[in-house]
Amino acid sequence: MANRTATITRETKETKVEVVLNLDSPGQVSAQTGLPFFDHMLNQLGKHGGWSLSIKADGDREVDAHHTVEDVGIVLGQCLAKALGDKSGVRRFATAAAPLDEALVEVALDLSGRPYLYYEVDPPGEKILGDPPFDPQLMEEFWRALATSAALTLHIVLVRGRNTHHIIESSCKGVAIALREAARQEGTELPSTKGVL
């Protein structure tokens, strides 16, 4: 079975993003976006997804971090779609929950070919301290961009939590575990009654 890989570079007037992804070869994971907390979350995604992953992004952070975060989601989603190909043999559905201390976020996803995000995560609201600080609301934009570009249905729901860092990290680990499980190849047939995903 060949490794499922993808490399995509996307450049706009606001950002330049390059993502290299290998779904089937756990290895080096690195993220360099100029947003240390976001890099930490992307590393969680790659590590717990069981991937080799490299993300490099340069954006107009002097305006806002929004463009960088959203565009990384777009390109990572495009890489997921490309690496998964026609999705023959994948499990397709998965659920996961990865607790982090008091925080627990539940994730359910379907490699459906139908982009949809349901996001019910309302952290306390303060920015994550760092240089620069990170606005946790940006994670919804990241997940929406990823789900749209990867054409997957993604539900992320906060069960409990008080610490914003813990809540966001629990969601990243949960999505990573669910993606790893949903992308697992168990055969050669396409898991769809309509013959296409």
C-alpha atoms as a PDB file:
ATOM      1  CA  MET A   1       0.000   0.000   0.000  1.00  0.00           C
ATOM      2  CA  ALA A   2       1.547   3.288  -1.093  1.00  0.00           C
ATOM      3  CA  ASN A   3       2.012   6.108   1.364  1.00  0.00           C
ATOM      4  CA  ARG A   4      -0.616   8.804   1.104  1.00  0.00           C
ATOM      5  CA  THR A   5       1.234  12.086   0.743  1.00  0.00           C
ATOM      6  CA  ALA A   6       0.667  15.654  -0.377  1.00  0.00           C
ATOM      7  CA  THR A   7       2.629  18.882  -0.698  1.00  0.00           C
ATOM      8  CA  ILE A   8       0.814  22.135  -1.373  1.00  0.00           C
ATOM      9  CA  THR A   9       1.965  25.760  -1.421  1.00  0.00           C
ATOM     10  CA  ARG A  10      -0.572  28.585  -1.488  1.00  0.00           C
ATOM     11  CA  GLU A  11       0.372  32.234  -1.813  1.00  0.00           C
ATOM     12  CA  THR A  12      -1.945  35.250  -1.605  1.00  0.00           C
ATOM     13  CA  LYS A  13      -1.442  38.944  -0.891  1.00  0.00           C
ATOM     14  CA  GLU A  14      -2.000  38.109   2.783  1.00  0.00           C
ATOM     15  CA  THR A  15      -0.136  34.850   3.365  1.00  0.00           C
ATOM     16  CA  LYS A  16       2.232  32.240   2.016  1.00  0.00           C
ATOM     17  CA  VAL A  17       1.610  28.733   3.352  1.00  0.00           C
ATOM     18  CA  GLU A  18       3.428  25.475   2.577  1.00  0.00           C
ATOM     19  CA  VAL A  19       2.283  22.136   3.966  1.00  0.00           C
ATOM     20  CA  VAL A  20       3.953  18.747   3.503  1.00  0.00           C
ATOM     21  CA  LEU A  21       1.913  15.788   4.780  1.00  0.00           C
ATOM     22  CA  ASN A  22       2.380  12.031   4.952  1.00  0.00           C
ATOM     23  CA  LEU A  23      -0.585  10.224   6.509  1.00  0.00           C
ATOM     24  CA  ASP A  24       1.087   6.819   6.718  1.00  0.00           C
ATOM     25  CA  SER A  25       4.550   7.511   8.085  1.00  0.00           C
ATOM     26  CA  PRO A  26       4.638   8.859  11.630  1.00  0.00           C
ATOM     27  CA  GLY A  27       7.727  11.003  11.959  1.00  0.00           C
ATOM     28  CA  GLN A  28       8.920  14.553  12.148  1.00  0.00           C
ATOM     29  CA  VAL A  29       6.280  17.163  12.923  1.00  0.00           C
ATOM     30  CA  SER A  30       7.044  20.865  12.727  1.00  0.00           C
ATOM     31  CA  ALA A  31       5.023  24.057  12.475  1.00  0.00           C
ATOM     32  CA  GLN A  32       6.390  27.549  11.937  1.00  0.00           C
ATOM     33  CA  THR A  33       3.648  30.150  11.644  1.00  0.00           C
ATOM     34  CA  GLY A  34       4.962  32.970  13.804  1.00  0.00           C
ATOM     35  CA  LEU A  35       2.195  32.151  16.313  1.00  0.00           C
ATOM     36  CA  PRO A  36       3.783  29.983  19.043  1.00  0.00           C
ATOM     37  CA  PHE A  37       0.546  28.716  20.603  1.00  0.00           C
ATOM     38  CA  PHE A  38      -0.893  27.852  17.188  1.00  0.00           C
ATOM     39  CA  ASP A  39       2.346  26.042  16.323  1.00  0.00           C
ATOM     40  CA  HIS A  40       1.941  24.038  19.537  1.00  0.00           C
ATOM     41  CA  MET A  41      -1.607  23.049  18.515  1.00  0.00           C
ATOM     42  CA  LEU A  42      -0.514  22.093  14.981  1.00  0.00           C
ATOM     43  CA  ASN A  43       2.202  19.919  16.486  1.00  0.00           C
ATOM     44  CA  GLN A  44      -0.465  18.178  18.592  1.00  0.00           C
ATOM     45  CA  LEU A  45      -2.501  17.574  15.439  1.00  0.00           C
ATOM     46  CA  GLY A  46       0.408  16.029  13.557  1.00  0.00           C
ATOM     47  CA  LYS A  47       1.777  13.992  16.452  1.00  0.00           C
ATOM     48  CA  HIS A  48      -1.525  12.477  17.556  1.00  0.00           C
ATOM     49  CA  GLY A  49      -2.692  12.096  13.963  1.00  0.00           C
ATOM     50  CA  GLY A  50       0.298   9.792  13.414  1.00  0.00           C
ATOM     51  CA  TRP A  51       1.590  11.882  10.516  1.00  0.00           C
ATOM     52  CA  SER A  52       4.781  13.352   9.195  1.00  0.00           C
ATOM     53  CA  LEU A  53       3.879  17.015   8.910  1.00  0.00           C
ATOM     54  CA  SER A  54       5.659  20.226   8.048  1.00  0.00           C
ATOM     55  CA  ILE A  55       3.852  23.568   8.070  1.00  0.00           C
ATOM     56  CA  LYS A  56       5.473  26.880   7.186  1.00  0.00           C
ATOM     57  CA  ALA A  57       3.394  30.039   7.079  1.00  0.00           C
ATOM     58  CA  ASP A  58       4.199  33.700   6.726  1.00  0.00           C
ATOM     59  CA  GLY A  59       1.289  36.092   6.999  1.00  0.00           C
ATOM     60  CA  ASP A  60       0.266  39.657   7.694  1.00  0.00           C
ATOM     61  CA  ARG A  61       0.308  39.184  11.455  1.00  0.00           C
ATOM     62  CA  GLU A  62       0.771  42.924  11.911  1.00  0.00           C
ATOM     63  CA  VAL A  63      -2.858  43.206  10.751  1.00  0.00           C
ATOM     64  CA  ASP A  64      -4.212  40.178  12.615  1.00  0.00           C
ATOM     65  CA  ALA A  65      -3.489  36.481  13.052  1.00  0.00           C
ATOM     66  CA  HIS A  66      -6.795  35.590  11.360  1.00  0.00           C
ATOM     67  CA  HIS A  67      -5.433  35.290   7.810  1.00  0.00           C
ATOM     68  CA  THR A  68      -2.533  33.078   8.871  1.00  0.00           C
ATOM     69  CA  VAL A  69      -4.682  30.725  10.958  1.00  0.00           C
ATOM     70  CA  GLU A  70      -7.445  30.423   8.360  1.00  0.00           C
ATOM     71  CA  ASP A  71      -5.053  29.935   5.440  1.00  0.00           C
ATOM     72  CA  VAL A  72      -3.132  27.215   7.266  1.00  0.00           C
ATOM     73  CA  GLY A  73      -6.500  25.473   7.715  1.00  0.00           C
ATOM     74  CA  ILE A  74      -7.228  25.822   4.003  1.00  0.00           C
ATOM     75  CA  VAL A  75      -3.893  24.356   2.891  1.00  0.00           C
ATOM     76  CA  LEU A  76      -3.822  21.578   5.492  1.00  0.00           C
ATOM     77  CA  GLY A  77      -7.362  20.634   4.425  1.00  0.00           C
ATOM     78  CA  GLN A  78      -6.281  20.587   0.764  1.00  0.00           C
ATOM     79  CA  CYS A  79      -3.365  18.311   1.687  1.00  0.00           C
ATOM     80  CA  LEU A  80      -5.677  15.963   3.573  1.00  0.00           C
ATOM     81  CA  ALA A  81      -8.011  15.761   0.578  1.00  0.00           C
ATOM     82  CA  LYS A  82      -5.142  15.113  -1.821  1.00  0.00           C
ATOM     83  CA  ALA A  83      -3.452  12.524   0.403  1.00  0.00           C
ATOM     84  CA  LEU A  84      -6.723  10.644   0.992  1.00  0.00           C
ATOM     85  CA  GLY A  85      -7.383  10.431  -2.745  1.00  0.00           C
ATOM     86  CA  ASP A  86     -10.651   8.657  -3.557  1.00  0.00           C
ATOM     87  CA  LYS A  87     -10.737   7.291   0.046  1.00  0.00           C
ATOM     88  CA  SER A  88     -10.960   3.656  -1.009  1.00  0.00           C
ATOM     89  CA  GLY A  89     -10.634   1.369   1.999  1.00  0.00           C
ATOM     90  CA  VAL A  90     -10.799   4.033   4.716  1.00  0.00           C
ATOM     91  CA  ARG A  91     -12.900   3.569   7.850  1.00  0.00           C
ATOM     92  CA  ARG A  92     -14.569   6.920   7.062  1.00  0.00           C
ATOM     93  CA  PHE A  93     -16.283   7.609  10.427  1.00  0.00           C
ATOM     94  CA  ALA A  94     -14.636   8.220  13.785  1.00  0.00           C
ATOM     95  CA  THR A  95     -15.258   9.726  17.191  1.00  0.00           C
ATOM     96  CA  ALA A  96     -12.716  10.689  19.817  1.00  0.00           C
ATOM     97  CA  ALA A  97     -12.286  12.525  23.087  1.00  0.00           C
ATOM     98  CA  ALA A  98      -8.916  13.438  24.558  1.00  0.00           C
ATOM     99  CA  PRO A  99      -9.110  14.866  28.077  1.00  0.00           C
ATOM    100  CA  LEU A 100      -6.561  17.391  29.273  1.00  0.00           C
ATOM    101  CA  ASP A 101      -6.877  17.823  33.022  1.00  0.00           C
ATOM    102  CA  GLU A 102     -10.318  19.393  33.635  1.00  0.00           C
ATOM    103  CA  ALA A 103     -11.052  19.898  29.929  1.00  0.00           C
ATOM    104  CA  LEU A 104     -12.848  17.432  27.681  1.00  0.00           C
ATOM    105  CA  VAL A 105     -13.882  18.001  24.075  1.00  0.00           C
ATOM    106  CA  GLU A 106     -15.762  15.401  22.014  1.00  0.00           C
ATOM    107  CA  VAL A 107     -15.099  15.066  18.284  1.00  0.00           C
ATOM    108  CA  ALA A 108     -17.040  13.203  15.602  1.00  0.00           C
ATOM    109  CA  LEU A 109     -16.152  13.263  11.932  1.00  0.00           C
ATOM    110  CA  ASP A 110     -17.014  11.739   8.596  1.00  0.00           C
ATOM    111  CA  LEU A 111     -14.774  11.791   5.525  1.00  0.00           C
ATOM    112  CA  SER A 112     -18.004  12.424   3.706  1.00  0.00           C
ATOM    113  CA  GLY A 113     -17.102  14.682   0.814  1.00  0.00           C
ATOM    114  CA  ARG A 114     -19.629  17.120   2.325  1.00  0.00           C
ATOM    115  CA  PRO A 115     -17.959  20.054   4.087  1.00  0.00           C
ATOM    116  CA  TYR A 116     -19.637  20.935   7.364  1.00  0.00           C
ATOM    117  CA  LEU A 117     -18.469  22.220  10.742  1.00  0.00           C
ATOM    118  CA  TYR A 118     -20.494  22.119  13.933  1.00  0.00           C
ATOM    119  CA  TYR A 119     -18.488  23.958  16.588  1.00  0.00           C
ATOM    120  CA  GLU A 120     -19.815  24.235  20.116  1.00  0.00           C
ATOM    121  CA  VAL A 121     -16.744  25.360  22.019  1.00  0.00           C
ATOM    122  CA  ASP A 122     -16.989  28.496  24.107  1.00  0.00           C
ATOM    123  CA  PRO A 123     -13.802  28.920  26.131  1.00  0.00           C
ATOM    124  CA  PRO A 124     -13.644  31.562  28.869  1.00  0.00           C
ATOM    125  CA  GLY A 125     -12.563  34.090  26.253  1.00  0.00           C
ATOM    126  CA  GLU A 126      -9.230  35.411  27.384  1.00  0.00           C
ATOM    127  CA  LYS A 127      -6.372  35.361  24.913  1.00  0.00           C
ATOM    128  CA  ILE A 128      -3.689  32.712  25.377  1.00  0.00           C
ATOM    129  CA  LEU A 129      -0.628  34.486  26.732  1.00  0.00           C
ATOM    130  CA  GLY A 130       2.434  34.380  24.516  1.00  0.00           C
ATOM    131  CA  ASP A 131       4.277  36.542  22.051  1.00  0.00           C
ATOM    132  CA  PRO A 132       2.030  37.366  20.354  1.00  0.00           C
ATOM    133  CA  PRO A 133      -1.030  36.358  22.393  1.00  0.00           C
ATOM    134  CA  PHE A 134      -3.438  33.999  20.615  1.00  0.00           C
ATOM    135  CA  ASP A 135      -7.184  34.594  20.325  1.00  0.00           C
ATOM    136  CA  PRO A 136      -8.928  31.227  20.931  1.00  0.00           C
ATOM    137  CA  GLN A 137     -11.841  32.282  18.693  1.00  0.00           C
ATOM    138  CA  LEU A 138      -9.510  31.807  15.723  1.00  0.00           C
ATOM    139  CA  MET A 139      -9.647  28.037  16.170  1.00  0.00           C
ATOM    140  CA  GLU A 140     -13.218  27.968  14.877  1.00  0.00           C
ATOM    141  CA  GLU A 141     -11.994  29.656  11.678  1.00  0.00           C
ATOM    142  CA  PHE A 142      -9.159  27.124  11.424  1.00  0.00           C
ATOM    143  CA  TRP A 143     -11.479  24.135  11.761  1.00  0.00           C
ATOM    144  CA  ARG A 144     -14.019  25.610   9.326  1.00  0.00           C
ATOM    145  CA  ALA A 145     -11.294  26.176   6.716  1.00  0.00           C
ATOM    146  CA  LEU A 146      -9.899  22.679   7.221  1.00  0.00           C
ATOM    147  CA  ALA A 147     -13.309  20.963   7.067  1.00  0.00           C
ATOM    148  CA  THR A 148     -14.262  22.906   3.940  1.00  0.00           C
ATOM    149  CA  SER A 149     -11.010  22.256   2.082  1.00  0.00           C
ATOM    150  CA  ALA A 150     -10.826  18.597   3.119  1.00  0.00           C
ATOM    151  CA  ALA A 151     -14.546  18.109   2.377  1.00  0.00           C
ATOM    152  CA  LEU A 152     -15.288  16.460   5.695  1.00  0.00           C
ATOM    153  CA  THR A 153     -18.068  16.724   8.247  1.00  0.00           C
ATOM    154  CA  LEU A 154     -16.633  17.739  11.614  1.00  0.00           C
ATOM    155  CA  HIS A 155     -18.369  18.155  14.972  1.00  0.00           C
ATOM    156  CA  ILE A 156     -16.409  19.580  17.921  1.00  0.00           C
ATOM    157  CA  VAL A 157     -18.280  19.946  21.216  1.00  0.00           C
ATOM    158  CA  LEU A 158     -16.995  21.113  24.587  1.00  0.00           C
ATOM    159  CA  VAL A 159     -18.145  18.772  27.355  1.00  0.00           C
ATOM    160  CA  ARG A 160     -16.432  20.620  30.202  1.00  0.00           C
ATOM    161  CA  GLY A 161     -13.448  22.823  30.887  1.00  0.00           C
ATOM    162  CA  ARG A 162     -12.264  26.044  32.514  1.00  0.00           C
ATOM    163  CA  ASN A 163      -8.760  26.587  31.178  1.00  0.00           C
ATOM    164  CA  THR A 164      -8.727  27.969  27.627  1.00  0.00           C
ATOM    165  CA  HIS A 165      -5.383  26.372  26.746  1.00  0.00           C
ATOM    166  CA  HIS A 166      -6.599  22.974  27.940  1.00  0.00           C
ATOM    167  CA  ILE A 167      -9.880  23.278  26.025  1.00  0.00           C
ATOM    168  CA  ILE A 168      -8.206  24.153  22.717  1.00  0.00           C
ATOM    169  CA  GLU A 169      -5.549  21.475  23.130  1.00  0.00           C
ATOM    170  CA  SER A 170      -8.162  18.838  23.985  1.00  0.00           C
ATOM    171  CA  SER A 171      -9.999  19.702  20.757  1.00  0.00           C
ATOM    172  CA  CYS A 172      -6.816  19.455  18.659  1.00  0.00           C
ATOM    173  CA  LYS A 173      -5.876  16.085  20.116  1.00  0.00           C
ATOM    174  CA  GLY A 174      -9.441  14.825  19.677  1.00  0.00           C
ATOM    175  CA  VAL A 175      -9.563  15.836  16.012  1.00  0.00           C
ATOM    176  CA  ALA A 176      -6.132  14.278  15.436  1.00  0.00           C
ATOM    177  CA  ILE A 177      -7.186  10.950  16.941  1.00  0.00           C
ATOM    178  CA  ALA A 178     -10.461  10.943  15.004  1.00  0.00           C
ATOM    179  CA  LEU A 179      -8.722  11.756  11.703  1.00  0.00           C
ATOM    180  CA  ARG A 180      -6.174   9.001  12.311  1.00  0.00           C
ATOM    181  CA  GLU A 181      -8.971   6.493  12.912  1.00  0.00           C
ATOM    182  CA  ALA A 182     -11.225   7.646  10.058  1.00  0.00           C
ATOM    183  CA  ALA A 183      -8.327   7.574   7.567  1.00  0.00           C
ATOM    184  CA  ARG A 184      -7.223   4.092   8.645  1.00  0.00           C
ATOM    185  CA  GLN A 185      -7.291   1.736   5.657  1.00  0.00           C
ATOM    186  CA  GLU A 186      -9.075  -1.542   6.261  1.00  0.00           C
ATOM    187  CA  GLY A 187      -9.523  -2.796   2.732  1.00  0.00           C
ATOM    188  CA  THR A 188     -10.012  -1.563  -0.804  1.00  0.00           C
ATOM    189  CA  GLU A 189     -13.726  -0.825  -1.063  1.00  0.00           C
ATOM    190  CA  LEU A 190     -15.151   2.654  -0.936  1.00  0.00           C
ATOM    191  CA  PRO A 191     -17.245   3.022   2.270  1.00  0.00           C
ATOM    192  CA  SER A 192     -20.280   4.523   0.588  1.00  0.00           C
ATOM    193  CA  THR A 193     -23.545   3.159  -0.762  1.00  0.00           C
ATOM    194  CA  LYS A 194     -23.563   5.788  -3.504  1.00  0.00           C
ATOM    195  CA  GLY A 195     -20.132   4.808  -4.829  1.00  0.00           C
ATOM    196  CA  VAL A 196     -18.370   8.112  -4.237  1.00  0.00           C
ATOM    197  CA  LEU A 197     -17.144  10.199  -1.317  1.00  0.00           C
END
